[in-house]
Amino acid sequence: MKSEELHQELRQRILNLSGVTERQNAGIHEDAFFVGRTMFMHIHGHGHCDIRLSKGDQARVLAEGKARPHRWAPEAGYVTLIVDNEEDLQPAMDLIRMSHHYFANKQSVLRTEHQ
């Protein structure tokens, strides 16, 4: 799969997650993905994924070597994963789903508390 095709496949998989919206060119992020009003991940260029996790998930993912520490915002829970080929899609989506699940559940809790 060519780089552009791989990028589009990744974007589509992310957008297929429940309640996800995308904002292109959101600040320094070329493709930013939100659940509710929370950005849970973004992509720089083709395949450079910065994924925001809970602190516990972040520590476990880094300890298991599934991602690298984020260069600028590790304190916010971000990890970095590069999607270079088709084999990288599934591991990336595993982390993206983990992030989505965490932030989607936080949104649900907030909605329930305010009703």
PDB file of N, CA and C in Angstrom:
ATOM      1  N   MET A   1       0.859  -1.177   0.000  1.00  0.00           N
ATOM      2  CA  MET A   1       0.000   0.000   0.000  1.00  0.00           C
ATOM      3  C   MET A   1       0.901   1.235   0.000  1.00  0.00           C
ATOM      4  N   LYS A   2       0.607   2.166  -0.865  1.00  0.00           N
ATOM      5  CA  LYS A   2       1.379   3.409  -0.940  1.00  0.00           C
ATOM      6  C   LYS A   2       1.102   4.282   0.278  1.00  0.00           C
ATOM      7  N   SER A   3       2.015   5.211   0.535  1.00  0.00           N
ATOM      8  CA  SER A   3       1.929   6.071   1.712  1.00  0.00           C
ATOM      9  C   SER A   3       0.582   6.798   1.797  1.00  0.00           C
ATOM     10  N   GLU A   4       0.132   7.405   0.715  1.00  0.00           N
ATOM     11  CA  GLU A   4      -1.146   8.135   0.737  1.00  0.00           C
ATOM     12  C   GLU A   4      -2.314   7.184   0.981  1.00  0.00           C
ATOM     13  N   GLU A   5      -2.290   6.004   0.374  1.00  0.00           N
ATOM     14  CA  GLU A   5      -3.355   5.019   0.597  1.00  0.00           C
ATOM     15  C   GLU A   5      -3.364   4.548   2.047  1.00  0.00           C
ATOM     16  N   LEU A   6      -2.184   4.329   2.584  1.00  0.00           N
ATOM     17  CA  LEU A   6      -2.050   3.903   3.976  1.00  0.00           C
ATOM     18  C   LEU A   6      -2.607   4.980   4.909  1.00  0.00           C
ATOM     19  N   HIS A   7      -2.265   6.223   4.638  1.00  0.00           N
ATOM     20  CA  HIS A   7      -2.760   7.347   5.436  1.00  0.00           C
ATOM     21  C   HIS A   7      -4.288   7.418   5.383  1.00  0.00           C
ATOM     22  N   GLN A   8      -4.853   7.275   4.210  1.00  0.00           N
ATOM     23  CA  GLN A   8      -6.315   7.338   4.067  1.00  0.00           C
ATOM     24  C   GLN A   8      -6.990   6.162   4.766  1.00  0.00           C
ATOM     25  N   GLU A   9      -6.381   4.985   4.678  1.00  0.00           N
ATOM     26  CA  GLU A   9      -6.934   3.812   5.378  1.00  0.00           C
ATOM     27  C   GLU A   9      -6.931   4.042   6.881  1.00  0.00           C
ATOM     28  N   LEU A  10      -5.843   4.560   7.404  1.00  0.00           N
ATOM     29  CA  LEU A  10      -5.749   4.860   8.834  1.00  0.00           C
ATOM     30  C   LEU A  10      -6.813   5.878   9.234  1.00  0.00           C
ATOM     31  N   ARG A  11      -6.931   6.948   8.479  1.00  0.00           N
ATOM     32  CA  ARG A  11      -7.944   7.979   8.768  1.00  0.00           C
ATOM     33  C   ARG A  11      -9.342   7.372   8.793  1.00  0.00           C
ATOM     34  N   GLN A  12      -9.663   6.535   7.806  1.00  0.00           N
ATOM     35  CA  GLN A  12     -11.002   5.930   7.735  1.00  0.00           C
ATOM     36  C   GLN A  12     -11.262   5.026   8.933  1.00  0.00           C
ATOM     37  N   ARG A  13     -10.259   4.269   9.324  1.00  0.00           N
ATOM     38  CA  ARG A  13     -10.442   3.390  10.497  1.00  0.00           C
ATOM     39  C   ARG A  13     -10.705   4.215  11.747  1.00  0.00           C
ATOM     40  N   ILE A  14     -10.012   5.317  11.888  1.00  0.00           N
ATOM     41  CA  ILE A  14     -10.220   6.186  13.057  1.00  0.00           C
ATOM     42  C   ILE A  14     -11.615   6.807  13.000  1.00  0.00           C
ATOM     43  N   LEU A  15     -11.990   7.299  11.827  1.00  0.00           N
ATOM     44  CA  LEU A  15     -13.297   7.946  11.685  1.00  0.00           C
ATOM     45  C   LEU A  15     -14.462   6.973  11.853  1.00  0.00           C
ATOM     46  N   ASN A  16     -14.212   5.675  11.707  1.00  0.00           N
ATOM     47  CA  ASN A  16     -15.251   4.669  11.911  1.00  0.00           C
ATOM     48  C   ASN A  16     -15.522   4.393  13.386  1.00  0.00           C
ATOM     49  N   LEU A  17     -14.684   4.908  14.272  1.00  0.00           N
ATOM     50  CA  LEU A  17     -14.937   4.746  15.695  1.00  0.00           C
ATOM     51  C   LEU A  17     -16.112   5.635  16.098  1.00  0.00           C
ATOM     52  N   SER A  18     -16.894   5.191  17.031  1.00  0.00           N
ATOM     53  CA  SER A  18     -18.111   5.887  17.442  1.00  0.00           C
ATOM     54  C   SER A  18     -17.844   7.312  17.928  1.00  0.00           C
ATOM     55  N   GLY A  19     -18.585   8.271  17.350  1.00  0.00           N
ATOM     56  CA  GLY A  19     -18.543   9.656  17.822  1.00  0.00           C
ATOM     57  C   GLY A  19     -17.298  10.440  17.464  1.00  0.00           C
ATOM     58  N   VAL A  20     -16.455   9.915  16.576  1.00  0.00           N
ATOM     59  CA  VAL A  20     -15.204  10.597  16.240  1.00  0.00           C
ATOM     60  C   VAL A  20     -15.429  11.635  15.145  1.00  0.00           C
ATOM     61  N   THR A  21     -14.859  12.806  15.351  1.00  0.00           N
ATOM     62  CA  THR A  21     -14.840  13.837  14.329  1.00  0.00           C
ATOM     63  C   THR A  21     -13.386  14.207  14.051  1.00  0.00           C
ATOM     64  N   GLU A  22     -13.174  14.771  12.884  1.00  0.00           N
ATOM     65  CA  GLU A  22     -11.829  15.160  12.477  1.00  0.00           C
ATOM     66  C   GLU A  22     -11.801  16.648  12.187  1.00  0.00           C
ATOM     67  N   ARG A  23     -10.711  17.268  12.587  1.00  0.00           N
ATOM     68  CA  ARG A  23     -10.460  18.660  12.212  1.00  0.00           C
ATOM     69  C   ARG A  23      -9.106  18.685  11.541  1.00  0.00           C
ATOM     70  N   GLN A  24      -9.110  18.986  10.268  1.00  0.00           N
ATOM     71  CA  GLN A  24      -7.854  19.052   9.549  1.00  0.00           C
ATOM     72  C   GLN A  24      -7.207  20.403   9.802  1.00  0.00           C
ATOM     73  N   ASN A  25      -5.889  20.400   9.823  1.00  0.00           N
ATOM     74  CA  ASN A  25      -5.102  21.613  10.048  1.00  0.00           C
ATOM     75  C   ASN A  25      -5.515  22.324  11.335  1.00  0.00           C
ATOM     76  N   ALA A  26      -5.682  21.529  12.400  1.00  0.00           N
ATOM     77  CA  ALA A  26      -6.051  22.077  13.702  1.00  0.00           C
ATOM     78  C   ALA A  26      -4.774  22.456  14.446  1.00  0.00           C
ATOM     79  N   GLY A  27      -4.404  23.694  14.356  1.00  0.00           N
ATOM     80  CA  GLY A  27      -3.161  24.143  14.982  1.00  0.00           C
ATOM     81  C   GLY A  27      -1.971  23.546  14.262  1.00  0.00           C
ATOM     82  N   ILE A  28      -1.090  22.890  15.019  1.00  0.00           N
ATOM     83  CA  ILE A  28       0.092  22.293  14.401  1.00  0.00           C
ATOM     84  C   ILE A  28      -0.186  20.880  13.893  1.00  0.00           C
ATOM     85  N   HIS A  29      -1.391  20.390  14.085  1.00  0.00           N
ATOM     86  CA  HIS A  29      -1.742  19.025  13.720  1.00  0.00           C
ATOM     87  C   HIS A  29      -2.410  19.006  12.346  1.00  0.00           C
ATOM     88  N   GLU A  30      -1.908  18.175  11.455  1.00  0.00           N
ATOM     89  CA  GLU A  30      -2.518  18.094  10.126  1.00  0.00           C
ATOM     90  C   GLU A  30      -3.879  17.423  10.177  1.00  0.00           C
ATOM     91  N   ASP A  31      -3.985  16.355  10.960  1.00  0.00           N
ATOM     92  CA  ASP A  31      -5.254  15.646  11.143  1.00  0.00           C
ATOM     93  C   ASP A  31      -5.437  15.419  12.637  1.00  0.00           C
ATOM     94  N   ALA A  32      -6.418  16.087  13.241  1.00  0.00           N
ATOM     95  CA  ALA A  32      -6.702  15.931  14.660  1.00  0.00           C
ATOM     96  C   ALA A  32      -8.053  15.239  14.807  1.00  0.00           C
ATOM     97  N   PHE A  33      -8.112  14.272  15.714  1.00  0.00           N
ATOM     98  CA  PHE A  33      -9.326  13.481  15.900  1.00  0.00           C
ATOM     99  C   PHE A  33      -9.851  13.691  17.310  1.00  0.00           C
ATOM    100  N   PHE A  34     -11.177  13.912  17.373  1.00  0.00           N
ATOM    101  CA  PHE A  34     -11.842  14.272  18.626  1.00  0.00           C
ATOM    102  C   PHE A  34     -12.947  13.281  18.936  1.00  0.00           C
ATOM    103  N   VAL A  35     -13.161  13.066  20.223  1.00  0.00           N
ATOM    104  CA  VAL A  35     -14.371  12.427  20.706  1.00  0.00           C
ATOM    105  C   VAL A  35     -14.971  13.471  21.646  1.00  0.00           C
ATOM    106  N   GLY A  36     -16.160  13.933  21.311  1.00  0.00           N
ATOM    107  CA  GLY A  36     -16.701  15.094  22.012  1.00  0.00           C
ATOM    108  C   GLY A  36     -15.811  16.287  21.703  1.00  0.00           C
ATOM    109  N   ARG A  37     -15.424  17.012  22.732  1.00  0.00           N
ATOM    110  CA  ARG A  37     -14.535  18.163  22.536  1.00  0.00           C
ATOM    111  C   ARG A  37     -13.076  17.846  22.851  1.00  0.00           C
ATOM    112  N   THR A  38     -12.778  16.564  23.086  1.00  0.00           N
ATOM    113  CA  THR A  38     -11.435  16.161  23.480  1.00  0.00           C
ATOM    114  C   THR A  38     -10.660  15.577  22.302  1.00  0.00           C
ATOM    115  N   MET A  39      -9.498  16.173  22.018  1.00  0.00           N
ATOM    116  CA  MET A  39      -8.627  15.591  21.003  1.00  0.00           C
ATOM    117  C   MET A  39      -7.935  14.396  21.638  1.00  0.00           C
ATOM    118  N   PHE A  40      -8.163  13.211  21.081  1.00  0.00           N
ATOM    119  CA  PHE A  40      -7.554  12.024  21.657  1.00  0.00           C
ATOM    120  C   PHE A  40      -6.362  11.522  20.843  1.00  0.00           C
ATOM    121  N   MET A  41      -6.177  12.038  19.655  1.00  0.00           N
ATOM    122  CA  MET A  41      -4.993  11.699  18.861  1.00  0.00           C
ATOM    123  C   MET A  41      -4.880  12.644  17.683  1.00  0.00           C
ATOM    124  N   HIS A  42      -3.682  12.695  17.107  1.00  0.00           N
ATOM    125  CA  HIS A  42      -3.483  13.477  15.894  1.00  0.00           C
ATOM    126  C   HIS A  42      -2.370  12.837  15.078  1.00  0.00           C
ATOM    127  N   ILE A  43      -2.352  13.213  13.817  1.00  0.00           N
ATOM    128  CA  ILE A  43      -1.357  12.671  12.886  1.00  0.00           C
ATOM    129  C   ILE A  43      -0.588  13.840  12.286  1.00  0.00           C
ATOM    130  N   HIS A  44       0.729  13.715  12.284  1.00  0.00           N
ATOM    131  CA  HIS A  44       1.607  14.659  11.590  1.00  0.00           C
ATOM    132  C   HIS A  44       2.079  13.958  10.322  1.00  0.00           C
ATOM    133  N   GLY A  45       1.945  14.631   9.193  1.00  0.00           N
ATOM    134  CA  GLY A  45       2.428  14.015   7.950  1.00  0.00           C
ATOM    135  C   GLY A  45       1.702  12.719   7.681  1.00  0.00           C
ATOM    136  N   HIS A  46       2.401  11.769   7.112  1.00  0.00           N
ATOM    137  CA  HIS A  46       1.804  10.469   6.821  1.00  0.00           C
ATOM    138  C   HIS A  46       2.324   9.434   7.800  1.00  0.00           C
ATOM    139  N   GLY A  47       1.503   9.103   8.784  1.00  0.00           N
ATOM    140  CA  GLY A  47       1.819   7.998   9.662  1.00  0.00           C
ATOM    141  C   GLY A  47       2.420   8.310  11.009  1.00  0.00           C
ATOM    142  N   HIS A  48       2.762   9.560  11.295  1.00  0.00           N
ATOM    143  CA  HIS A  48       3.322   9.911  12.605  1.00  0.00           C
ATOM    144  C   HIS A  48       2.137  10.177  13.539  1.00  0.00           C
ATOM    145  N   CYS A  49       1.786   9.158  14.335  1.00  0.00           N
ATOM    146  CA  CYS A  49       0.598   9.233  15.187  1.00  0.00           C
ATOM    147  C   CYS A  49       0.984   9.575  16.621  1.00  0.00           C
ATOM    148  N   ASP A  50       0.374  10.597  17.159  1.00  0.00           N
ATOM    149  CA  ASP A  50       0.501  10.947  18.564  1.00  0.00           C
ATOM    150  C   ASP A  50      -0.840  10.622  19.209  1.00  0.00           C
ATOM    151  N   ILE A  51      -0.803   9.680  20.148  1.00  0.00           N
ATOM    152  CA  ILE A  51      -2.016   9.121  20.742  1.00  0.00           C
ATOM    153  C   ILE A  51      -2.008   9.413  22.237  1.00  0.00           C
ATOM    154  N   ARG A  52      -3.115   9.970  22.719  1.00  0.00           N
ATOM    155  CA  ARG A  52      -3.223  10.333  24.133  1.00  0.00           C
ATOM    156  C   ARG A  52      -3.885   9.191  24.904  1.00  0.00           C
ATOM    157  N   LEU A  53      -3.230   8.734  25.945  1.00  0.00           N
ATOM    158  CA  LEU A  53      -3.729   7.628  26.751  1.00  0.00           C
ATOM    159  C   LEU A  53      -3.914   8.066  28.200  1.00  0.00           C
ATOM    160  N   SER A  54      -4.590   7.223  28.968  1.00  0.00           N
ATOM    161  CA  SER A  54      -4.615   7.451  30.410  1.00  0.00           C
ATOM    162  C   SER A  54      -3.186   7.251  30.905  1.00  0.00           C
ATOM    163  N   LYS A  55      -2.867   7.797  32.063  1.00  0.00           N
ATOM    164  CA  LYS A  55      -1.500   7.671  32.599  1.00  0.00           C
ATOM    165  C   LYS A  55      -1.110   6.199  32.790  1.00  0.00           C
ATOM    166  N   GLY A  56      -2.037   5.388  33.292  1.00  0.00           N
ATOM    167  CA  GLY A  56      -1.760   3.968  33.494  1.00  0.00           C
ATOM    168  C   GLY A  56      -1.504   3.242  32.180  1.00  0.00           C
ATOM    169  N   ASP A  57      -2.352   3.512  31.182  1.00  0.00           N
ATOM    170  CA  ASP A  57      -2.165   2.896  29.869  1.00  0.00           C
ATOM    171  C   ASP A  57      -0.865   3.371  29.231  1.00  0.00           C
ATOM    172  N   GLN A  58      -0.567   4.658  29.371  1.00  0.00           N
ATOM    173  CA  GLN A  58       0.668   5.195  28.814  1.00  0.00           C
ATOM    174  C   GLN A  58       1.879   4.469  29.400  1.00  0.00           C
ATOM    175  N   ALA A  59       1.924   4.320  30.709  1.00  0.00           N
ATOM    176  CA  ALA A  59       3.053   3.660  31.368  1.00  0.00           C
ATOM    177  C   ALA A  59       3.187   2.214  30.893  1.00  0.00           C
ATOM    178  N   ARG A  60       2.077   1.516  30.789  1.00  0.00           N
ATOM    179  CA  ARG A  60       2.107   0.116  30.362  1.00  0.00           C
ATOM    180  C   ARG A  60       2.552  -0.020  28.910  1.00  0.00           C
ATOM    181  N   VAL A  61       2.002   0.805  28.028  1.00  0.00           N
ATOM    182  CA  VAL A  61       2.350   0.763  26.600  1.00  0.00           C
ATOM    183  C   VAL A  61       3.833   1.065  26.396  1.00  0.00           C
ATOM    184  N   LEU A  62       4.354   2.055  27.112  1.00  0.00           N
ATOM    185  CA  LEU A  62       5.775   2.390  26.999  1.00  0.00           C
ATOM    186  C   LEU A  62       6.646   1.267  27.552  1.00  0.00           C
ATOM    187  N   ALA A  63       6.250   0.695  28.685  1.00  0.00           N
ATOM    188  CA  ALA A  63       7.022  -0.395  29.288  1.00  0.00           C
ATOM    189  C   ALA A  63       7.056  -1.625  28.379  1.00  0.00           C
ATOM    190  N   GLU A  64       5.953  -1.850  27.648  1.00  0.00           N
ATOM    191  CA  GLU A  64       5.876  -3.000  26.738  1.00  0.00           C
ATOM    192  C   GLU A  64       6.524  -2.715  25.389  1.00  0.00           C
ATOM    193  N   GLY A  65       6.989  -1.483  25.174  1.00  0.00           N
ATOM    194  CA  GLY A  65       7.646  -1.135  23.918  1.00  0.00           C
ATOM    195  C   GLY A  65       6.713  -1.022  22.726  1.00  0.00           C
ATOM    196  N   LYS A  66       5.432  -0.780  22.979  1.00  0.00           N
ATOM    197  CA  LYS A  66       4.450  -0.681  21.895  1.00  0.00           C
ATOM    198  C   LYS A  66       4.429   0.696  21.248  1.00  0.00           C
ATOM    199  N   ALA A  67       5.061   1.678  21.883  1.00  0.00           N
ATOM    200  CA  ALA A  67       5.121   3.047  21.355  1.00  0.00           C
ATOM    201  C   ALA A  67       6.320   3.730  21.991  1.00  0.00           C
ATOM    202  N   ARG A  68       6.618   4.924  21.488  1.00  0.00           N
ATOM    203  CA  ARG A  68       7.706   5.743  22.040  1.00  0.00           C
ATOM    204  C   ARG A  68       7.093   6.881  22.849  1.00  0.00           C
ATOM    205  N   PRO A  69       7.869   7.426  23.780  1.00  0.00           N
ATOM    206  CA  PRO A  69       7.367   8.608  24.508  1.00  0.00           C
ATOM    207  C   PRO A  69       7.170   9.772  23.518  1.00  0.00           C
ATOM    208  N   HIS A  70       6.144  10.545  23.753  1.00  0.00           N
ATOM    209  CA  HIS A  70       5.907  11.732  22.931  1.00  0.00           C
ATOM    210  C   HIS A  70       6.999  12.754  23.222  1.00  0.00           C
ATOM    211  N   ARG A  71       7.448  13.414  22.188  1.00  0.00           N
ATOM    212  CA  ARG A  71       8.581  14.327  22.321  1.00  0.00           C
ATOM    213  C   ARG A  71       8.265  15.575  23.137  1.00  0.00           C
ATOM    214  N   TRP A  72       7.055  16.109  22.990  1.00  0.00           N
ATOM    215  CA  TRP A  72       6.759  17.408  23.606  1.00  0.00           C
ATOM    216  C   TRP A  72       5.759  17.347  24.752  1.00  0.00           C
ATOM    217  N   ALA A  73       4.854  16.359  24.754  1.00  0.00           N
ATOM    218  CA  ALA A  73       3.799  16.367  25.783  1.00  0.00           C
ATOM    219  C   ALA A  73       3.584  15.004  26.436  1.00  0.00           C
ATOM    220  N   PRO A  74       4.646  14.366  26.905  1.00  0.00           N
ATOM    221  CA  PRO A  74       4.431  13.071  27.566  1.00  0.00           C
ATOM    222  C   PRO A  74       3.611  13.204  28.849  1.00  0.00           C
ATOM    223  N   GLU A  75       3.703  14.369  29.505  1.00  0.00           N
ATOM    224  CA  GLU A  75       2.957  14.568  30.745  1.00  0.00           C
ATOM    225  C   GLU A  75       1.447  14.580  30.523  1.00  0.00           C
ATOM    226  N   ALA A  76       1.017  14.805  29.294  1.00  0.00           N
ATOM    227  CA  ALA A  76      -0.412  14.795  28.968  1.00  0.00           C
ATOM    228  C   ALA A  76      -0.902  13.389  28.609  1.00  0.00           C
ATOM    229  N   GLY A  77       0.004  12.401  28.652  1.00  0.00           N
ATOM    230  CA  GLY A  77      -0.387  11.029  28.345  1.00  0.00           C
ATOM    231  C   GLY A  77      -0.104  10.599  26.919  1.00  0.00           C
ATOM    232  N   TYR A  78       0.504  11.480  26.129  1.00  0.00           N
ATOM    233  CA  TYR A  78       0.742  11.146  24.720  1.00  0.00           C
ATOM    234  C   TYR A  78       1.885  10.159  24.543  1.00  0.00           C
ATOM    235  N   VAL A  79       1.707   9.266  23.569  1.00  0.00           N
ATOM    236  CA  VAL A  79       2.758   8.379  23.070  1.00  0.00           C
ATOM    237  C   VAL A  79       2.813   8.561  21.560  1.00  0.00           C
ATOM    238  N   THR A  80       3.907   8.148  20.952  1.00  0.00           N
ATOM    239  CA  THR A  80       4.080   8.277  19.506  1.00  0.00           C
ATOM    240  C   THR A  80       4.268   6.900  18.893  1.00  0.00           C
ATOM    241  N   LEU A  81       3.594   6.706  17.771  1.00  0.00           N
ATOM    242  CA  LEU A  81       3.709   5.473  17.006  1.00  0.00           C
ATOM    243  C   LEU A  81       3.744   5.858  15.535  1.00  0.00           C
ATOM    244  N   ILE A  82       4.660   5.264  14.791  1.00  0.00           N
ATOM    245  CA  ILE A  82       4.782   5.552  13.363  1.00  0.00           C
ATOM    246  C   ILE A  82       4.155   4.412  12.569  1.00  0.00           C
ATOM    247  N   VAL A  83       3.259   4.759  11.655  1.00  0.00           N
ATOM    248  CA  VAL A  83       2.640   3.778  10.765  1.00  0.00           C
ATOM    249  C   VAL A  83       3.336   3.898   9.413  1.00  0.00           C
ATOM    250  N   ASP A  84       4.250   2.949   9.158  1.00  0.00           N
ATOM    251  CA  ASP A  84       5.024   2.954   7.911  1.00  0.00           C
ATOM    252  C   ASP A  84       4.491   1.994   6.865  1.00  0.00           C
ATOM    253  N   ASN A  85       3.764   0.957   7.311  1.00  0.00           N
ATOM    254  CA  ASN A  85       3.289  -0.058   6.379  1.00  0.00           C
ATOM    255  C   ASN A  85       2.008  -0.689   6.909  1.00  0.00           C
ATOM    256  N   GLU A  86       1.427  -1.572   6.123  1.00  0.00           N
ATOM    257  CA  GLU A  86       0.148  -2.191   6.493  1.00  0.00           C
ATOM    258  C   GLU A  86       0.225  -2.948   7.810  1.00  0.00           C
ATOM    259  N   GLU A  87       1.384  -3.541   8.096  1.00  0.00           N
ATOM    260  CA  GLU A  87       1.543  -4.302   9.335  1.00  0.00           C
ATOM    261  C   GLU A  87       1.455  -3.403  10.567  1.00  0.00           C
ATOM    262  N   ASP A  88       1.689  -2.117  10.394  1.00  0.00           N
ATOM    263  CA  ASP A  88       1.621  -1.176  11.520  1.00  0.00           C
ATOM    264  C   ASP A  88       0.195  -0.727  11.824  1.00  0.00           C
ATOM    265  N   LEU A  89      -0.738  -0.970  10.898  1.00  0.00           N
ATOM    266  CA  LEU A  89      -2.110  -0.481  11.094  1.00  0.00           C
ATOM    267  C   LEU A  89      -2.771  -1.085  12.330  1.00  0.00           C
ATOM    268  N   GLN A  90      -2.682  -2.402  12.487  1.00  0.00           N
ATOM    269  CA  GLN A  90      -3.377  -3.045  13.604  1.00  0.00           C
ATOM    270  C   GLN A  90      -2.820  -2.619  14.954  1.00  0.00           C
ATOM    271  N   PRO A  91      -1.480  -2.638  15.155  1.00  0.00           N
ATOM    272  CA  PRO A  91      -0.972  -2.152  16.442  1.00  0.00           C
ATOM    273  C   PRO A  91      -1.345  -0.690  16.710  1.00  0.00           C
ATOM    274  N   ALA A  92      -1.347   0.129  15.679  1.00  0.00           N
ATOM    275  CA  ALA A  92      -1.745   1.534  15.849  1.00  0.00           C
ATOM    276  C   ALA A  92      -3.204   1.624  16.255  1.00  0.00           C
ATOM    277  N   MET A  93      -4.054   0.865  15.575  1.00  0.00           N
ATOM    278  CA  MET A  93      -5.479   0.914  15.888  1.00  0.00           C
ATOM    279  C   MET A  93      -5.763   0.366  17.286  1.00  0.00           C
ATOM    280  N   ASP A  94      -4.971  -0.584  17.757  1.00  0.00           N
ATOM    281  CA  ASP A  94      -5.154  -1.082  19.123  1.00  0.00           C
ATOM    282  C   ASP A  94      -4.966   0.062  20.129  1.00  0.00           C
ATOM    283  N   LEU A  95      -3.915   0.871  19.934  1.00  0.00           N
ATOM    284  CA  LEU A  95      -3.672   1.999  20.842  1.00  0.00           C
ATOM    285  C   LEU A  95      -4.714   3.101  20.650  1.00  0.00           C
ATOM    286  N   ILE A  96      -5.095   3.336  19.397  1.00  0.00           N
ATOM    287  CA  ILE A  96      -6.100   4.367  19.112  1.00  0.00           C
ATOM    288  C   ILE A  96      -7.439   3.980  19.732  1.00  0.00           C
ATOM    289  N   ARG A  97      -7.829   2.705  19.623  1.00  0.00           N
ATOM    290  CA  ARG A  97      -9.069   2.246  20.255  1.00  0.00           C
ATOM    291  C   ARG A  97      -8.996   2.388  21.777  1.00  0.00           C
ATOM    292  N   MET A  98      -7.836   2.090  22.359  1.00  0.00           N
ATOM    293  CA  MET A  98      -7.648   2.235  23.796  1.00  0.00           C
ATOM    294  C   MET A  98      -7.875   3.696  24.200  1.00  0.00           C
ATOM    295  N   SER A  99      -7.304   4.613  23.457  1.00  0.00           N
ATOM    296  CA  SER A  99      -7.468   6.038  23.714  1.00  0.00           C
ATOM    297  C   SER A  99      -8.929   6.449  23.549  1.00  0.00           C
ATOM    298  N   HIS A 100      -9.513   6.048  22.434  1.00  0.00           N
ATOM    299  CA  HIS A 100     -10.908   6.386  22.145  1.00  0.00           C
ATOM    300  C   HIS A 100     -11.822   5.886  23.263  1.00  0.00           C
ATOM    301  N   HIS A 101     -11.618   4.657  23.681  1.00  0.00           N
ATOM    302  CA  HIS A 101     -12.447   4.066  24.734  1.00  0.00           C
ATOM    303  C   HIS A 101     -12.331   4.894  26.027  1.00  0.00           C
ATOM    304  N   TYR A 102     -11.117   5.238  26.390  1.00  0.00           N
ATOM    305  CA  TYR A 102     -10.892   6.014  27.607  1.00  0.00           C
ATOM    306  C   TYR A 102     -11.590   7.374  27.532  1.00  0.00           C
ATOM    307  N   PHE A 103     -11.390   8.111  26.454  1.00  0.00           N
ATOM    308  CA  PHE A 103     -11.958   9.460  26.367  1.00  0.00           C
ATOM    309  C   PHE A 103     -13.451   9.448  26.065  1.00  0.00           C
ATOM    310  N   ALA A 104     -13.943   8.459  25.339  1.00  0.00           N
ATOM    311  CA  ALA A 104     -15.391   8.349  25.109  1.00  0.00           C
ATOM    312  C   ALA A 104     -16.099   8.059  26.425  1.00  0.00           C
ATOM    313  N   ASN A 105     -15.502   7.199  27.264  1.00  0.00           N
ATOM    314  CA  ASN A 105     -16.102   6.906  28.568  1.00  0.00           C
ATOM    315  C   ASN A 105     -16.067   8.129  29.475  1.00  0.00           C
ATOM    316  N   LYS A 106     -15.007   8.928  29.406  1.00  0.00           N
ATOM    317  CA  LYS A 106     -14.953  10.162  30.198  1.00  0.00           C
ATOM    318  C   LYS A 106     -16.072  11.110  29.769  1.00  0.00           C
ATOM    319  N   GLN A 107     -16.329  11.191  28.449  1.00  0.00           N
ATOM    320  CA  GLN A 107     -17.408  12.048  27.945  1.00  0.00           C
ATOM    321  C   GLN A 107     -18.757  11.566  28.473  1.00  0.00           C
ATOM    322  N   SER A 108     -18.973  10.245  28.491  1.00  0.00           N
ATOM    323  CA  SER A 108     -20.225   9.674  28.977  1.00  0.00           C
ATOM    324  C   SER A 108     -20.435   9.991  30.438  1.00  0.00           C
ATOM    325  N   VAL A 109     -19.390   9.879  31.240  1.00  0.00           N
ATOM    326  CA  VAL A 109     -19.470  10.192  32.661  1.00  0.00           C
ATOM    327  C   VAL A 109     -19.817  11.650  32.860  1.00  0.00           C
ATOM    328  N   LEU A 110     -19.180  12.529  32.096  1.00  0.00           N
ATOM    329  CA  LEU A 110     -19.469  13.969  32.217  1.00  0.00           C
ATOM    330  C   LEU A 110     -20.912  14.261  31.858  1.00  0.00           C
ATOM    331  N   ARG A 111     -21.421  13.653  30.771  1.00  0.00           N
ATOM    332  CA  ARG A 111     -22.819  13.882  30.381  1.00  0.00           C
ATOM    333  C   ARG A 111     -23.772  13.385  31.462  1.00  0.00           C
ATOM    334  N   THR A 112     -23.493  12.231  32.037  1.00  0.00           N
ATOM    335  CA  THR A 112     -24.350  11.650  33.082  1.00  0.00           C
ATOM    336  C   THR A 112     -24.350  12.523  34.329  1.00  0.00           C
ATOM    337  N   GLU A 113     -23.182  13.046  34.703  1.00  0.00           N
ATOM    338  CA  GLU A 113     -23.098  13.872  35.909  1.00  0.00           C
ATOM    339  C   GLU A 113     -23.846  15.194  35.759  1.00  0.00           C
ATOM    340  N   HIS A 114     -23.959  15.700  34.536  1.00  0.00           N
ATOM    341  CA  HIS A 114     -24.597  16.996  34.322  1.00  0.00           C
ATOM    342  C   HIS A 114     -26.074  16.894  33.965  1.00  0.00           C
ATOM    343  N   GLN A 115     -26.624  15.714  33.975  1.00  0.00           N
ATOM    344  CA  GLN A 115     -28.056  15.566  33.652  1.00  0.00           C
ATOM    345  C   GLN A 115     -28.900  15.571  34.891  1.00  0.00           C
TER     346      GLN A 115
END
